[in-house]
Amino acid sequence: MPDDLPLSEASELTAPEVTAAVGFRSVLARIEAGEREFPLPGSGHTGRRFAALQAVAEADLCTARLVEGHVDALAILAELGEPPPGPGERWGVWAAEPPGEGLTALRKDPAGQGGDGWVISGLKQFCSGAHSCTHALVTARAGDERRLFAVRVDGDDCRPVDGTWRAVGMAGSDTPDVRFTDVPARAVGDPEAYVRRPGFWHGGIGVAACWYGGAVAVSRVLREAAGRRAEPHTDAHLGAVDIQLQAAGALLDRAAAEIDADPLDIRGGAQLRAMRVRAFVESACAAVLDHVGRATGAGPLCHDAQHARTAADLAVYIRQHHAERDLAALGALLARPEDTR
């Protein structure tokens, strides 16, 4: 159990959620101690950032989901000129906007309300780390505009909704709906600044690095099976998995180098790069899941708890790529006459 999680909240968590929360806090403690590093995108060390995310994901995808949210929040705050989180703070980025109620931000008297004069109310869906984050960056509607806000999320005015996260895959990411009731908030950046900044697309590739780490982890049982005995079909599946992972890894390396060469997206290629990388890494992960399952059968899924959990987690996590909808958006972008990249 996390050492500072209230018993009333710990009792609400499943075992995978507690495991991921412990891993989340462990990684952040190592970051604060200088033992782990996640360089900012475009800092000249973006490849190290992606490799660090991959390493966490290889160990546990749900922990990686929480860590990725925290380090993405750090990057967003830095890019929009905000101070970094304080010691012991655990941040998420809660910016999903599926159909539904959503969040509304109202400007209030700063002297009376705190939080730089804003309060947020409503329902936010897909809030990873809802029980373990202390703060979050959230998107909300302010009149006709969409804005990003920094909020403290560990108080009674910001409560996870029971029964809204019933996942098997990515169960440990603790991603329920959260009910906001007049939560003090600080506006971060101008309206729409969150999605218009170059780092929005850089961050999307960081998520793909986590997917890639999960695929590497899933492939282990196939490598072990191939190493135990020579069998041509197993070897063929391993070869197919290897070329998918090699290609995905090379694409992530290339993307990191391109981000470092143009961190402010002066050339205008950030969106296209991110859409291509995410689409290819998602397809590689799906191929790895398929080949490993076909090669090894039901045995590892039924008798190897870690492998079964990782495979289930990866199958859900890559659905942050919206399949044909994202491919259609990529095609539409490529169809623009001015887009020759």
Protein backbone atom coordinates (compact mmCIF):
# COMPACT_ATOMS: atom_id res chain seq x y z
CA MET A 1 0.00 0.00 0.00
CA PRO A 2 1.34 3.50 -0.78
CA ASP A 3 2.73 4.89 2.45
CA ASP A 4 0.72 8.12 2.44
CA LEU A 5 -2.51 6.97 0.84
CA PRO A 6 -5.45 7.43 3.25
CA LEU A 7 -6.97 4.13 4.36
CA SER A 8 -10.38 5.28 3.18
CA GLU A 9 -8.99 5.70 -0.32
CA ALA A 10 -6.71 2.66 -0.29
CA SER A 11 -9.72 0.45 0.42
CA GLU A 12 -11.29 1.62 -2.85
CA LEU A 13 -8.34 0.49 -4.97
CA THR A 14 -7.76 -2.85 -6.63
CA ALA A 15 -4.47 -4.69 -6.26
CA PRO A 16 -3.24 -3.59 -9.74
CA GLU A 17 -4.07 0.02 -8.88
CA VAL A 18 -2.10 -0.15 -5.65
CA THR A 19 0.84 -1.78 -7.46
CA ALA A 20 0.89 0.97 -10.10
CA ALA A 21 0.53 3.71 -7.47
CA VAL A 22 3.52 2.32 -5.58
CA GLY A 23 5.52 2.14 -8.82
CA PHE A 24 4.49 5.68 -9.71
CA ARG A 25 5.71 7.07 -6.39
CA SER A 26 8.90 5.05 -6.59
CA VAL A 27 9.80 6.44 -10.03
CA LEU A 28 9.01 10.01 -8.96
CA ALA A 29 11.13 9.60 -5.82
CA ARG A 30 14.03 8.50 -8.03
CA ILE A 31 13.48 11.52 -10.29
CA GLU A 32 13.60 13.88 -7.30
CA ALA A 33 16.75 12.13 -6.04
CA GLY A 34 18.40 12.55 -9.44
CA GLU A 35 18.54 8.81 -10.09
CA ARG A 36 16.12 8.89 -13.06
CA GLU A 37 15.86 11.52 -15.77
CA PHE A 38 13.17 12.38 -18.29
CA PRO A 39 14.62 15.25 -20.34
CA LEU A 40 12.13 17.72 -21.78
CA PRO A 41 11.08 17.21 -25.41
CA GLY A 42 13.27 19.25 -27.74
CA SER A 43 15.99 19.64 -25.12
CA GLY A 44 18.57 17.86 -27.25
CA HIS A 45 17.97 14.62 -25.32
CA THR A 46 14.51 13.60 -26.49
CA GLY A 47 15.81 10.13 -27.32
CA ARG A 48 16.71 9.65 -23.66
CA ARG A 49 13.21 10.76 -22.68
CA PHE A 50 11.59 8.19 -24.96
CA ALA A 51 14.01 5.49 -23.78
CA ALA A 52 13.18 6.27 -20.14
CA LEU A 53 9.45 5.99 -20.84
CA GLN A 54 10.05 2.74 -22.72
CA ALA A 55 11.99 1.31 -19.76
CA VAL A 56 9.20 2.07 -17.30
CA ALA A 57 6.65 0.57 -19.69
CA GLU A 58 8.67 -2.62 -20.10
CA ALA A 59 8.44 -3.10 -16.33
CA ASP A 60 4.75 -2.15 -15.95
CA LEU A 61 2.45 -0.40 -18.41
CA CYS A 62 0.09 0.99 -15.78
CA THR A 63 2.96 2.58 -13.89
CA ALA A 64 4.19 3.96 -17.21
CA ARG A 65 0.77 5.52 -17.86
CA LEU A 66 0.99 7.42 -14.57
CA VAL A 67 4.65 8.39 -15.01
CA GLU A 68 4.02 9.55 -18.58
CA GLY A 69 1.22 11.81 -17.35
CA HIS A 70 3.46 13.37 -14.71
CA VAL A 71 6.42 14.03 -17.01
CA ASP A 72 4.05 15.30 -19.72
CA ALA A 73 2.65 17.76 -17.18
CA LEU A 74 6.20 18.93 -16.43
CA ALA A 75 6.80 19.51 -20.14
CA ILE A 76 3.52 21.39 -20.59
CA LEU A 77 4.18 23.64 -17.61
CA ALA A 78 7.69 24.41 -18.86
CA GLU A 79 6.51 25.12 -22.40
CA LEU A 80 3.75 27.47 -21.23
CA GLY A 81 6.01 29.36 -18.83
CA GLU A 82 4.66 27.95 -15.57
CA PRO A 83 6.68 26.95 -12.48
CA PRO A 84 7.56 23.27 -12.10
CA PRO A 85 5.75 21.03 -9.59
CA GLY A 86 6.91 21.11 -6.01
CA PRO A 87 8.55 18.24 -4.12
CA GLY A 88 6.22 15.32 -3.48
CA GLU A 89 3.61 16.47 -5.99
CA ARG A 90 2.21 13.91 -8.41
CA TRP A 91 0.66 15.34 -11.55
CA GLY A 92 -1.61 13.99 -14.23
CA VAL A 93 -2.89 15.39 -17.51
CA TRP A 94 -6.66 14.94 -17.70
CA ALA A 95 -7.49 16.29 -21.13
CA ALA A 96 -9.75 13.68 -22.70
CA GLU A 97 -12.96 15.19 -24.04
CA PRO A 98 -15.35 12.43 -25.11
CA PRO A 99 -19.06 13.21 -25.46
CA GLY A 100 -20.67 13.98 -22.13
CA GLU A 101 -20.94 16.55 -19.43
CA GLY A 102 -17.34 17.76 -19.31
CA LEU A 103 -15.88 20.52 -17.16
CA THR A 104 -16.90 24.18 -17.00
CA ALA A 105 -14.64 26.94 -15.70
CA LEU A 106 -16.01 30.17 -14.25
CA ARG A 107 -14.03 33.25 -13.32
CA LYS A 108 -14.49 34.30 -9.70
CA ASP A 109 -13.14 36.95 -7.39
CA PRO A 110 -9.53 35.88 -6.67
CA ALA A 111 -9.71 37.27 -3.16
CA GLY A 112 -12.77 35.21 -2.38
CA GLN A 113 -12.06 32.00 -4.23
CA GLY A 114 -8.31 31.58 -4.58
CA GLY A 115 -6.83 29.71 -7.52
CA ASP A 116 -6.24 32.89 -9.55
CA GLY A 117 -9.93 33.57 -9.87
CA TRP A 118 -11.28 30.40 -11.51
CA VAL A 119 -13.39 27.52 -10.24
CA ILE A 120 -14.14 24.33 -12.15
CA SER A 121 -17.20 22.09 -11.89
CA GLY A 122 -18.48 19.10 -13.80
CA LEU A 123 -17.43 15.57 -14.70
CA LYS A 124 -14.08 14.67 -16.25
CA GLN A 125 -13.71 11.24 -17.85
CA PHE A 126 -10.55 9.11 -18.11
CA CYS A 127 -8.58 10.60 -15.20
CA SER A 128 -5.54 8.34 -14.83
CA GLY A 129 -4.12 8.27 -11.32
CA ALA A 130 -7.33 9.63 -9.84
CA HIS A 131 -6.51 8.30 -6.37
CA SER A 132 -2.75 8.90 -6.43
CA CYS A 133 -2.28 12.27 -8.16
CA THR A 134 -2.12 15.40 -6.03
CA HIS A 135 -2.49 17.79 -8.97
CA ALA A 136 -3.60 17.69 -12.59
CA LEU A 137 -3.72 19.77 -15.73
CA VAL A 138 -7.31 19.62 -16.97
CA THR A 139 -9.10 21.00 -19.98
CA ALA A 140 -12.38 22.84 -19.40
CA ARG A 141 -14.76 25.10 -21.27
CA ALA A 142 -14.63 28.78 -20.30
CA GLY A 143 -17.53 30.26 -22.20
CA ASP A 144 -16.93 29.48 -25.87
CA GLU A 145 -13.24 28.76 -25.31
CA ARG A 146 -11.33 25.69 -24.24
CA ARG A 147 -8.58 26.34 -21.73
CA LEU A 148 -6.08 24.40 -19.66
CA PHE A 149 -6.10 24.72 -15.88
CA ALA A 150 -3.88 23.57 -13.04
CA VAL A 151 -5.86 22.15 -10.13
CA ARG A 152 -5.26 20.33 -6.88
CA VAL A 153 -7.17 17.05 -7.09
CA ASP A 154 -6.68 15.39 -3.70
CA GLY A 155 -9.43 17.25 -1.82
CA ASP A 156 -13.10 16.54 -1.14
CA ASP A 157 -14.12 18.89 -3.95
CA CYS A 158 -12.57 16.57 -6.53
CA ARG A 159 -13.78 12.99 -6.10
CA PRO A 160 -13.43 9.83 -8.24
CA VAL A 161 -16.80 8.36 -9.15
CA ASP A 162 -17.21 4.78 -7.94
CA GLY A 163 -17.87 2.17 -10.60
CA THR A 164 -16.69 4.21 -13.59
CA TRP A 165 -13.43 2.28 -14.16
CA ARG A 166 -14.10 -1.44 -14.67
CA ALA A 167 -11.20 -2.21 -16.94
CA VAL A 168 -9.36 -5.51 -17.09
CA GLY A 169 -6.58 -4.22 -19.33
CA MET A 170 -4.93 -1.13 -17.79
CA ALA A 171 -6.89 -1.74 -14.58
CA GLY A 172 -3.97 -0.45 -12.56
CA SER A 173 -3.95 2.94 -14.29
CA ASP A 174 -6.84 3.98 -11.99
CA THR A 175 -8.70 5.97 -14.66
CA PRO A 176 -12.25 6.63 -13.42
CA ASP A 177 -14.45 9.64 -14.00
CA VAL A 178 -13.84 12.44 -11.49
CA ARG A 179 -16.50 14.83 -10.19
CA PHE A 180 -15.35 18.44 -9.74
CA THR A 181 -17.34 20.73 -7.44
CA ASP A 182 -16.17 24.37 -7.44
CA VAL A 183 -12.50 23.34 -7.51
CA PRO A 184 -10.12 26.36 -7.38
CA ALA A 185 -8.05 26.49 -10.55
CA ARG A 186 -5.24 28.45 -12.18
CA ALA A 187 -5.39 29.12 -15.90
CA VAL A 188 -2.32 27.80 -17.73
CA GLY A 189 -1.57 29.58 -20.99
CA ASP A 190 -4.02 31.33 -23.29
CA PRO A 191 -7.21 29.74 -24.63
CA GLU A 192 -6.39 26.76 -26.90
CA ALA A 193 -2.68 27.10 -26.03
CA TYR A 194 -2.59 23.50 -24.83
CA VAL A 195 -3.35 22.03 -28.27
CA ARG A 196 -1.65 24.72 -30.37
CA ARG A 197 1.82 24.37 -28.84
CA PRO A 198 4.43 22.17 -30.60
CA GLY A 199 4.81 20.04 -27.49
CA PHE A 200 1.27 18.71 -27.87
CA TRP A 201 2.51 16.59 -30.76
CA HIS A 202 5.87 15.81 -29.17
CA GLY A 203 4.02 14.47 -26.13
CA GLY A 204 1.90 12.19 -28.28
CA ILE A 205 5.05 10.42 -29.41
CA GLY A 206 6.02 9.92 -25.76
CA VAL A 207 2.84 7.87 -25.36
CA ALA A 208 3.90 5.77 -28.36
CA ALA A 209 7.24 5.13 -26.62
CA CYS A 210 5.25 3.60 -23.76
CA TRP A 211 3.30 1.41 -26.18
CA TYR A 212 6.59 0.28 -27.67
CA GLY A 213 7.96 -0.66 -24.26
CA GLY A 214 4.85 -2.74 -23.66
CA ALA A 215 5.33 -4.57 -26.96
CA VAL A 216 8.93 -5.36 -26.05
CA ALA A 217 7.69 -6.82 -22.76
CA VAL A 218 5.02 -8.91 -24.51
CA SER A 219 7.63 -10.32 -26.91
CA ARG A 220 9.69 -11.86 -24.10
CA VAL A 221 7.65 -15.06 -23.84
CA LEU A 222 8.11 -15.65 -27.57
CA ARG A 223 11.88 -15.17 -27.32
CA GLU A 224 11.97 -17.57 -24.39
CA ALA A 225 9.88 -20.14 -26.27
CA ALA A 226 12.11 -19.92 -29.33
CA GLY A 227 15.19 -20.31 -27.16
CA ARG A 228 13.93 -23.49 -25.53
CA ARG A 229 13.58 -25.51 -28.74
CA ALA A 230 14.03 -25.13 -32.47
CA GLU A 231 10.67 -24.96 -34.22
CA PRO A 232 10.27 -23.24 -37.59
CA HIS A 233 6.85 -21.69 -36.99
CA THR A 234 7.95 -20.23 -33.65
CA ASP A 235 11.09 -18.90 -35.29
CA ALA A 236 9.04 -17.34 -38.09
CA HIS A 237 6.82 -15.54 -35.60
CA LEU A 238 9.89 -14.33 -33.71
CA GLY A 239 11.37 -13.00 -36.94
CA ALA A 240 8.15 -11.16 -37.72
CA VAL A 241 8.07 -9.65 -34.22
CA ASP A 242 11.71 -8.62 -34.46
CA ILE A 243 11.28 -6.62 -37.64
CA GLN A 244 8.23 -4.85 -36.21
CA LEU A 245 10.09 -3.88 -33.04
CA GLN A 246 13.23 -2.87 -34.92
CA ALA A 247 11.24 -0.64 -37.27
CA ALA A 248 9.21 0.93 -34.46
CA GLY A 249 12.35 1.57 -32.40
CA ALA A 250 14.12 3.16 -35.35
CA LEU A 251 11.12 5.38 -36.07
CA LEU A 252 11.04 6.59 -32.45
CA ASP A 253 14.78 7.33 -32.61
CA ARG A 254 14.32 9.30 -35.82
CA ALA A 255 11.38 11.22 -34.35
CA ALA A 256 13.44 12.14 -31.29
CA ALA A 257 16.25 13.48 -33.48
CA GLU A 258 13.80 15.49 -35.59
CA ILE A 259 12.17 17.00 -32.49
CA ASP A 260 15.56 18.04 -31.15
CA ALA A 261 16.44 19.58 -34.53
CA ASP A 262 13.22 21.65 -34.60
CA PRO A 263 11.77 21.84 -31.06
CA LEU A 264 9.53 24.85 -31.81
CA ASP A 265 8.21 23.24 -35.01
CA ILE A 266 9.40 26.05 -37.25
CA ARG A 267 9.20 23.67 -40.23
CA GLY A 268 5.64 22.71 -39.34
CA GLY A 269 6.17 18.94 -39.32
CA ALA A 270 5.28 18.08 -35.71
CA GLN A 271 1.68 17.03 -36.32
CA LEU A 272 2.44 14.86 -39.33
CA ARG A 273 5.40 13.26 -37.54
CA ALA A 274 3.36 12.42 -34.46
CA MET A 275 0.46 11.00 -36.45
CA ARG A 276 2.77 8.80 -38.49
CA VAL A 277 4.75 7.54 -35.51
CA ARG A 278 1.68 6.81 -33.39
CA ALA A 279 -0.03 4.99 -36.26
CA PHE A 280 2.98 2.83 -37.04
CA VAL A 281 3.82 2.00 -33.42
CA GLU A 282 0.19 1.08 -32.77
CA SER A 283 0.20 -1.25 -35.76
CA ALA A 284 3.51 -2.77 -34.64
CA CYS A 285 2.13 -3.39 -31.15
CA ALA A 286 -0.98 -5.04 -32.59
CA ALA A 287 1.21 -7.24 -34.78
CA VAL A 288 3.37 -8.23 -31.80
CA LEU A 289 0.31 -9.17 -29.76
CA ASP A 290 -0.98 -11.27 -32.66
CA HIS A 291 2.29 -13.06 -33.45
CA VAL A 292 3.09 -13.78 -29.81
CA GLY A 293 -0.39 -15.17 -29.21
CA ARG A 294 -0.34 -17.33 -32.34
CA ALA A 295 3.14 -18.64 -31.58
CA THR A 296 2.76 -19.42 -27.89
CA GLY A 297 -0.92 -20.31 -27.64
CA ALA A 298 -3.03 -20.02 -24.53
CA GLY A 299 -0.35 -21.25 -22.12
CA PRO A 300 1.35 -17.95 -21.22
CA LEU A 301 -1.99 -16.13 -21.15
CA CYS A 302 -3.37 -18.68 -18.71
CA HIS A 303 -0.31 -19.49 -16.56
CA ASP A 304 1.99 -16.46 -16.68
CA ALA A 305 0.25 -13.71 -14.74
CA GLN A 306 2.70 -10.97 -15.67
CA HIS A 307 2.54 -11.75 -19.38
CA ALA A 308 -1.26 -12.02 -19.33
CA ARG A 309 -1.53 -8.66 -17.56
CA THR A 310 0.93 -6.97 -19.92
CA ALA A 311 -0.85 -8.29 -23.01
CA ALA A 312 -4.22 -7.14 -21.69
CA ASP A 313 -2.79 -3.75 -20.71
CA LEU A 314 -1.17 -3.20 -24.09
CA ALA A 315 -4.34 -4.11 -25.99
CA VAL A 316 -6.19 -1.37 -24.11
CA TYR A 317 -3.39 1.21 -24.01
CA ILE A 318 -2.90 1.30 -27.79
CA ARG A 319 -6.56 2.24 -28.14
CA GLN A 320 -5.46 5.76 -27.32
CA HIS A 321 -4.79 5.62 -31.04
CA HIS A 322 -8.22 5.99 -32.62
CA ALA A 323 -7.68 3.47 -35.42
CA GLU A 324 -9.28 4.40 -38.74
CA ARG A 325 -10.36 7.78 -37.45
CA ASP A 326 -6.72 8.76 -36.84
CA LEU A 327 -5.65 7.17 -40.13
CA ALA A 328 -8.30 9.21 -41.93
CA ALA A 329 -7.01 12.36 -40.24
CA LEU A 330 -3.49 11.47 -41.36
CA GLY A 331 -4.65 10.90 -44.92
CA ALA A 332 -6.55 14.19 -44.96
CA LEU A 333 -3.43 16.00 -43.75
CA LEU A 334 -1.33 14.36 -46.48
CA ALA A 335 -3.92 15.27 -49.12
CA ARG A 336 -3.39 19.00 -48.57
CA PRO A 337 -1.62 20.37 -51.66
CA GLU A 338 0.77 22.42 -49.56
CA ASP A 339 1.87 19.44 -47.47
CA THR A 340 4.89 17.84 -49.17
CA ARG A 341 6.68 16.52 -46.08
